[in-house]
Amino acid sequence: MANTLISEVPVVEKPEPKRTPTEKALARKATASFVLRRLDLFLSVLVVALLVIVSIFPSLFTSKDPLKANPAFSLQAPDAAFWFGTDELGRDLFARVIYGAQISLGAAAFAVLLAFVIGSLLGVVAGVSSGWLDSFIMRVFDAVLAIPGLLMVFAVLTILGNGVMNIALAIGLAGSVSFGRVMRAEVMSVRASTYVEAASALGVKPLGVVVRHIIPNSITPLISLAALEFGVAMLTIGAMGYLGFGAEPPNAEWGALIADGQKFVRTAWWLGVLPGVVFVIVVLAVNRISRVIGQGGSK
């Protein structure tokens, strides 16, 4: 009976307090301020997302062949038919920039992934061993750090020959030191945690402790470092391509496109300027995102 009476009592909902015009104005101002402060980040994410899509599905953005020469349209200025104009052989520059994204982005991703894998593995081994093996790995890291990155790139190219992937290989080997040192520091910190000691006390095998507890709790800083290193890798690959050590002609690579366009800077400005603008925008976007990731999203 009591339950019936309670159920029959109407529930009176309190109306939500209405905001005054001043409060609404302040809310709109705060929202606009947040968007403006983060506008560059939003645009950067949009640029990088678009770059990834372009790299995976370049045919969605252009139907022209980046390698097909058409002398009849040699050095055609940008127009409705050729958005970025054409080069000295009549090849569509927009198509070459689009397909060049595959090379530049793919090589940078390979370099960072290689550095991530090698560095994290060596860092885990060094952090877990804490003996002569740790000292040996750290001395190797110190020796690699003593060699300038560009010098290592040139050394690898001297041995293996020119090519974008060889450049990426050298960048990955040099960058693995940074990943290894960070991973080692995190592993040594996590090893001293209570839950790791408890897992060992409960009889979990050392390999199980490393795989289940140490690595998952040590890898987060490496993800932030990977974002930071990606922009550096793109800059280095573009610089080496500009110097002529990158993709072999007629393949399109952004650094090589800028270098080729420099020859026609007075007669066909678009050949060097437009690929350069695209390259600068992408690198700035990657660096902006990496800075936010590296700072934990605080800025």
Protein backbone atom coordinates (compact mmCIF):
# COMPACT_ATOMS: atom_id res chain seq x y z
CA MET A 1 0.00 0.00 0.00
CA ALA A 2 2.80 2.36 0.91
CA ASN A 3 4.54 1.60 -2.36
CA THR A 4 1.31 2.38 -4.26
CA LEU A 5 0.93 5.75 -2.57
CA ILE A 6 4.53 6.62 -3.25
CA SER A 7 4.20 5.70 -6.92
CA GLU A 8 1.13 7.90 -7.27
CA VAL A 9 2.87 11.02 -5.99
CA PRO A 10 3.72 13.14 -9.02
CA VAL A 11 7.38 13.90 -9.51
CA VAL A 12 7.96 17.59 -9.90
CA GLU A 13 10.96 18.31 -12.09
CA LYS A 14 12.83 21.45 -11.26
CA PRO A 15 13.18 23.67 -14.29
CA GLU A 16 16.71 24.30 -15.40
CA PRO A 17 17.83 27.76 -14.43
CA LYS A 18 17.80 30.07 -17.39
CA ARG A 19 21.03 31.76 -18.21
CA THR A 20 21.02 35.50 -18.39
CA PRO A 21 22.10 37.28 -21.60
CA THR A 22 25.38 38.13 -19.88
CA GLU A 23 26.06 34.48 -19.03
CA LYS A 24 25.25 33.42 -22.60
CA ALA A 25 27.59 36.04 -23.96
CA LEU A 26 30.37 34.88 -21.63
CA ALA A 27 29.78 31.25 -22.66
CA ARG A 28 29.96 32.16 -26.36
CA LYS A 29 33.09 34.18 -25.71
CA ALA A 30 34.72 31.28 -23.85
CA THR A 31 33.83 28.85 -26.64
CA ALA A 32 35.18 31.20 -29.31
CA SER A 33 38.36 31.73 -27.30
CA PHE A 34 38.87 27.97 -26.96
CA VAL A 35 38.36 27.41 -30.68
CA LEU A 36 40.72 30.22 -31.61
CA ARG A 37 43.39 28.95 -29.24
CA ARG A 38 43.05 25.46 -30.69
CA LEU A 39 42.36 26.47 -34.27
CA ASP A 40 45.92 25.80 -35.37
CA LEU A 41 45.75 22.36 -33.75
CA PHE A 42 42.45 21.54 -35.47
CA LEU A 43 43.87 22.64 -38.82
CA SER A 44 47.04 20.63 -38.20
CA VAL A 45 45.08 17.47 -37.48
CA LEU A 46 43.04 18.09 -40.62
CA VAL A 47 46.19 18.52 -42.71
CA VAL A 48 47.80 15.34 -41.38
CA ALA A 49 44.60 13.33 -41.78
CA LEU A 50 44.30 14.57 -45.36
CA LEU A 51 47.94 13.68 -45.99
CA VAL A 52 47.38 10.12 -44.78
CA ILE A 53 44.34 9.73 -47.03
CA VAL A 54 46.23 11.19 -49.98
CA SER A 55 49.12 8.79 -49.39
CA ILE A 56 46.85 5.75 -49.25
CA PHE A 57 44.40 6.72 -51.99
CA PRO A 58 46.17 9.17 -54.33
CA SER A 59 43.90 8.27 -57.25
CA LEU A 60 40.97 9.82 -55.40
CA PHE A 61 42.54 13.26 -55.73
CA THR A 62 43.88 13.15 -59.28
CA SER A 63 43.31 11.07 -62.36
CA LYS A 64 46.53 12.16 -64.07
CA ASP A 65 49.65 10.03 -64.35
CA PRO A 66 52.54 11.71 -62.49
CA LEU A 67 55.11 10.08 -64.79
CA LYS A 68 53.43 10.71 -68.14
CA ALA A 69 55.18 13.39 -70.19
CA ASN A 70 53.24 15.66 -72.55
CA PRO A 71 55.59 18.12 -74.30
CA ALA A 72 52.63 20.02 -75.75
CA PHE A 73 51.88 21.35 -72.24
CA SER A 74 55.45 22.03 -71.18
CA LEU A 75 55.79 24.65 -68.41
CA GLN A 76 52.06 25.34 -68.36
CA ALA A 77 51.14 27.85 -65.64
CA PRO A 78 48.58 26.84 -62.98
CA ASP A 79 45.02 26.93 -64.32
CA ALA A 80 41.76 24.99 -64.10
CA ALA A 81 43.21 22.05 -66.04
CA PHE A 82 46.56 21.94 -64.20
CA TRP A 83 46.09 23.16 -60.64
CA PHE A 84 49.83 23.33 -59.91
CA GLY A 85 50.92 23.78 -63.53
CA THR A 86 53.25 21.45 -65.41
CA ASP A 87 57.00 20.87 -65.48
CA GLU A 88 59.44 21.06 -68.38
CA LEU A 89 58.25 17.68 -69.69
CA GLY A 90 54.57 18.56 -69.46
CA ARG A 91 53.92 16.35 -66.43
CA ASP A 92 51.14 17.48 -64.11
CA LEU A 93 52.78 18.95 -61.01
CA PHE A 94 49.72 18.46 -58.78
CA ALA A 95 49.73 14.74 -59.56
CA ARG A 96 53.45 14.56 -58.83
CA VAL A 97 52.95 16.27 -55.47
CA ILE A 98 50.05 13.93 -54.62
CA TYR A 99 51.99 10.78 -55.48
CA GLY A 100 55.12 12.21 -53.90
CA ALA A 101 53.28 12.20 -50.57
CA GLN A 102 53.40 8.40 -50.67
CA ILE A 103 57.18 8.46 -50.84
CA SER A 104 57.79 11.20 -48.27
CA LEU A 105 55.22 9.99 -45.73
CA GLY A 106 56.04 6.31 -46.21
CA ALA A 107 59.77 6.86 -45.74
CA ALA A 108 59.26 8.99 -42.62
CA ALA A 109 56.88 6.41 -41.14
CA PHE A 110 59.36 3.62 -41.86
CA ALA A 111 62.19 5.56 -40.21
CA VAL A 112 60.20 6.27 -37.05
CA LEU A 113 58.86 2.71 -36.85
CA LEU A 114 62.37 1.28 -37.22
CA ALA A 115 63.72 3.60 -34.54
CA PHE A 116 60.78 2.74 -32.28
CA VAL A 117 61.23 -1.03 -32.59
CA ILE A 118 65.02 -1.15 -32.30
CA GLY A 119 65.21 1.47 -29.58
CA SER A 120 62.44 0.00 -27.45
CA LEU A 121 63.88 -3.51 -27.62
CA LEU A 122 67.38 -2.38 -26.68
CA GLY A 123 65.97 -0.12 -23.98
CA VAL A 124 64.02 -2.98 -22.42
CA VAL A 125 67.06 -5.26 -22.47
CA ALA A 126 69.26 -2.57 -20.93
CA GLY A 127 66.71 -1.59 -18.30
CA VAL A 128 65.98 -5.16 -17.24
CA SER A 129 69.54 -6.49 -17.22
CA SER A 130 71.18 -3.66 -15.21
CA GLY A 131 74.56 -5.36 -15.53
CA TRP A 132 77.39 -5.57 -18.02
CA LEU A 133 74.85 -5.83 -20.85
CA ASP A 134 73.26 -2.57 -19.76
CA SER A 135 76.67 -0.88 -19.69
CA PHE A 136 77.54 -2.24 -23.14
CA ILE A 137 74.27 -1.04 -24.71
CA MET A 138 74.64 2.40 -23.16
CA ARG A 139 78.20 2.73 -24.45
CA VAL A 140 76.93 1.85 -27.92
CA PHE A 141 74.27 4.53 -27.55
CA ASP A 142 76.91 7.05 -26.50
CA ALA A 143 79.04 6.17 -29.52
CA VAL A 144 76.10 6.62 -31.90
CA LEU A 145 75.20 9.95 -30.26
CA ALA A 146 78.74 11.15 -30.90
CA ILE A 147 78.16 10.80 -34.65
CA PRO A 148 76.12 13.62 -36.23
CA GLY A 149 72.88 12.34 -37.74
CA LEU A 150 73.62 13.64 -41.24
CA LEU A 151 77.04 11.99 -41.16
CA MET A 152 75.41 8.66 -40.39
CA VAL A 153 72.97 9.19 -43.25
CA PHE A 154 75.86 9.85 -45.65
CA ALA A 155 77.71 6.80 -44.33
CA VAL A 156 74.72 4.55 -44.97
CA LEU A 157 74.22 6.03 -48.44
CA THR A 158 77.89 5.43 -49.21
CA ILE A 159 77.50 1.76 -48.33
CA LEU A 160 74.03 1.05 -49.71
CA GLY A 161 73.67 3.74 -52.39
CA ASN A 162 71.20 6.56 -52.86
CA GLY A 163 67.49 6.07 -52.26
CA VAL A 164 64.68 7.25 -50.02
CA MET A 165 64.45 3.98 -48.10
CA ASN A 166 68.20 3.97 -47.46
CA ILE A 167 67.86 7.48 -46.04
CA ALA A 168 64.97 6.29 -43.88
CA LEU A 169 67.09 3.32 -42.72
CA ALA A 170 69.87 5.66 -41.60
CA ILE A 171 67.41 7.97 -39.83
CA GLY A 172 65.85 4.98 -38.08
CA LEU A 173 69.19 3.65 -36.88
CA ALA A 174 70.28 7.05 -35.59
CA GLY A 175 66.90 7.76 -33.99
CA SER A 176 66.78 4.42 -32.19
CA VAL A 177 69.23 5.80 -29.62
CA SER A 178 66.71 8.38 -28.37
CA PHE A 179 63.99 5.73 -28.10
CA GLY A 180 66.36 3.33 -26.36
CA ARG A 181 67.47 5.81 -23.70
CA VAL A 182 63.90 6.86 -22.94
CA MET A 183 62.73 3.25 -22.79
CA ARG A 184 65.57 2.25 -20.49
CA ALA A 185 64.77 5.06 -18.06
CA GLU A 186 61.08 4.13 -18.00
CA VAL A 187 61.80 0.42 -17.54
CA MET A 188 64.10 1.08 -14.61
CA SER A 189 61.44 3.29 -13.03
CA VAL A 190 58.65 0.74 -13.53
CA ARG A 191 60.83 -2.10 -12.21
CA ALA A 192 60.83 -0.43 -8.80
CA SER A 193 57.02 -0.25 -8.69
CA THR A 194 55.10 -2.17 -6.05
CA TYR A 195 52.93 -4.10 -8.50
CA VAL A 196 55.99 -5.38 -10.37
CA GLU A 197 57.57 -6.59 -7.13
CA ALA A 198 54.24 -8.18 -6.14
CA ALA A 199 54.00 -10.01 -9.47
CA SER A 200 57.50 -11.39 -8.99
CA ALA A 201 56.68 -12.43 -5.43
CA LEU A 202 53.59 -14.29 -6.63
CA GLY A 203 55.76 -16.47 -8.86
CA VAL A 204 55.26 -14.80 -12.25
CA LYS A 205 58.17 -15.65 -14.53
CA PRO A 206 60.59 -12.79 -15.36
CA LEU A 207 59.57 -12.78 -19.02
CA GLY A 208 55.92 -12.60 -18.02
CA VAL A 209 56.63 -9.66 -15.72
CA VAL A 210 58.41 -7.83 -18.53
CA VAL A 211 55.72 -8.50 -21.14
CA ARG A 212 52.64 -8.03 -18.95
CA HIS A 213 53.71 -5.27 -16.59
CA ILE A 214 56.93 -3.48 -17.49
CA ILE A 215 56.56 -2.90 -21.24
CA PRO A 216 52.88 -1.77 -21.23
CA ASN A 217 53.62 0.74 -18.46
CA SER A 218 56.82 2.04 -20.06
CA ILE A 219 55.81 2.55 -23.67
CA THR A 220 53.67 5.71 -23.41
CA PRO A 221 56.59 8.20 -23.50
CA LEU A 222 57.87 6.49 -26.64
CA ILE A 223 54.59 7.26 -28.42
CA SER A 224 55.07 10.94 -27.65
CA LEU A 225 58.67 10.74 -28.83
CA ALA A 226 57.56 9.05 -32.07
CA ALA A 227 55.32 12.01 -32.85
CA LEU A 228 58.21 14.40 -32.24
CA GLU A 229 60.62 12.40 -34.39
CA PHE A 230 58.20 12.10 -37.31
CA GLY A 231 58.52 15.77 -38.25
CA VAL A 232 62.30 15.58 -37.97
CA ALA A 233 62.34 12.54 -40.23
CA MET A 234 60.25 14.31 -42.88
CA LEU A 235 62.58 17.32 -42.81
CA THR A 236 65.68 15.14 -43.15
CA ILE A 237 64.22 13.09 -46.00
CA GLY A 238 63.15 16.25 -47.79
CA ALA A 239 66.59 17.82 -47.31
CA MET A 240 68.38 14.74 -48.65
CA GLY A 241 65.99 14.59 -51.58
CA TYR A 242 66.72 18.25 -52.29
CA LEU A 243 70.44 17.44 -52.38
CA GLY A 244 69.82 14.65 -54.88
CA PHE A 245 70.22 11.61 -52.64
CA GLY A 246 66.55 10.64 -52.55
CA ALA A 247 64.21 9.05 -55.05
CA GLU A 248 65.60 8.31 -58.47
CA PRO A 249 63.99 10.15 -61.42
CA PRO A 250 61.32 10.12 -62.69
CA ASN A 251 59.78 9.28 -59.29
CA ALA A 252 58.30 12.27 -57.48
CA GLU A 253 59.60 13.14 -54.02
CA TRP A 254 58.95 16.49 -52.41
CA GLY A 255 62.57 17.45 -51.81
CA ALA A 256 63.52 16.50 -55.36
CA LEU A 257 60.54 18.42 -56.77
CA ILE A 258 61.68 21.57 -54.97
CA ALA A 259 65.23 21.12 -56.26
CA ASP A 260 64.03 20.58 -59.83
CA GLY A 261 61.81 23.64 -59.64
CA GLN A 262 64.71 25.80 -58.53
CA LYS A 263 66.15 25.55 -62.03
CA PHE A 264 63.10 27.37 -63.41
CA VAL A 265 62.55 29.84 -60.58
CA ARG A 266 62.47 32.82 -62.98
CA THR A 267 60.52 31.30 -65.85
CA ALA A 268 58.22 28.85 -64.01
CA TRP A 269 58.03 29.86 -60.35
CA TRP A 270 55.31 27.33 -59.54
CA LEU A 271 57.62 24.34 -60.00
CA GLY A 272 59.54 25.08 -56.82
CA VAL A 273 57.16 27.30 -54.86
CA LEU A 274 54.02 25.15 -54.79
CA PRO A 275 55.69 21.88 -53.70
CA GLY A 276 57.65 23.91 -51.15
CA VAL A 277 54.47 25.45 -49.73
CA VAL A 278 52.88 22.01 -49.39
CA PHE A 279 55.99 20.65 -47.70
CA VAL A 280 56.16 23.56 -45.22
CA ILE A 281 52.46 23.26 -44.35
CA VAL A 282 52.74 19.52 -43.69
CA VAL A 283 55.89 19.82 -41.56
CA LEU A 284 54.39 22.66 -39.51
CA ALA A 285 51.22 20.62 -38.96
CA VAL A 286 53.18 17.56 -37.87
CA ASN A 287 55.35 19.62 -35.52
CA ARG A 288 52.29 21.29 -33.97
CA ILE A 289 50.63 17.96 -33.26
CA SER A 290 53.86 16.44 -31.96
CA ARG A 291 54.38 19.36 -29.57
CA VAL A 292 50.89 18.89 -28.12
CA ILE A 293 51.41 15.15 -27.74
CA GLY A 294 54.82 15.69 -26.18
CA GLN A 295 53.39 18.15 -23.66
CA GLY A 296 50.45 15.91 -22.81
CA GLY A 297 47.90 18.10 -24.59
CA SER A 298 48.41 21.03 -22.24
CA LYS A 299 48.89 23.58 -25.02
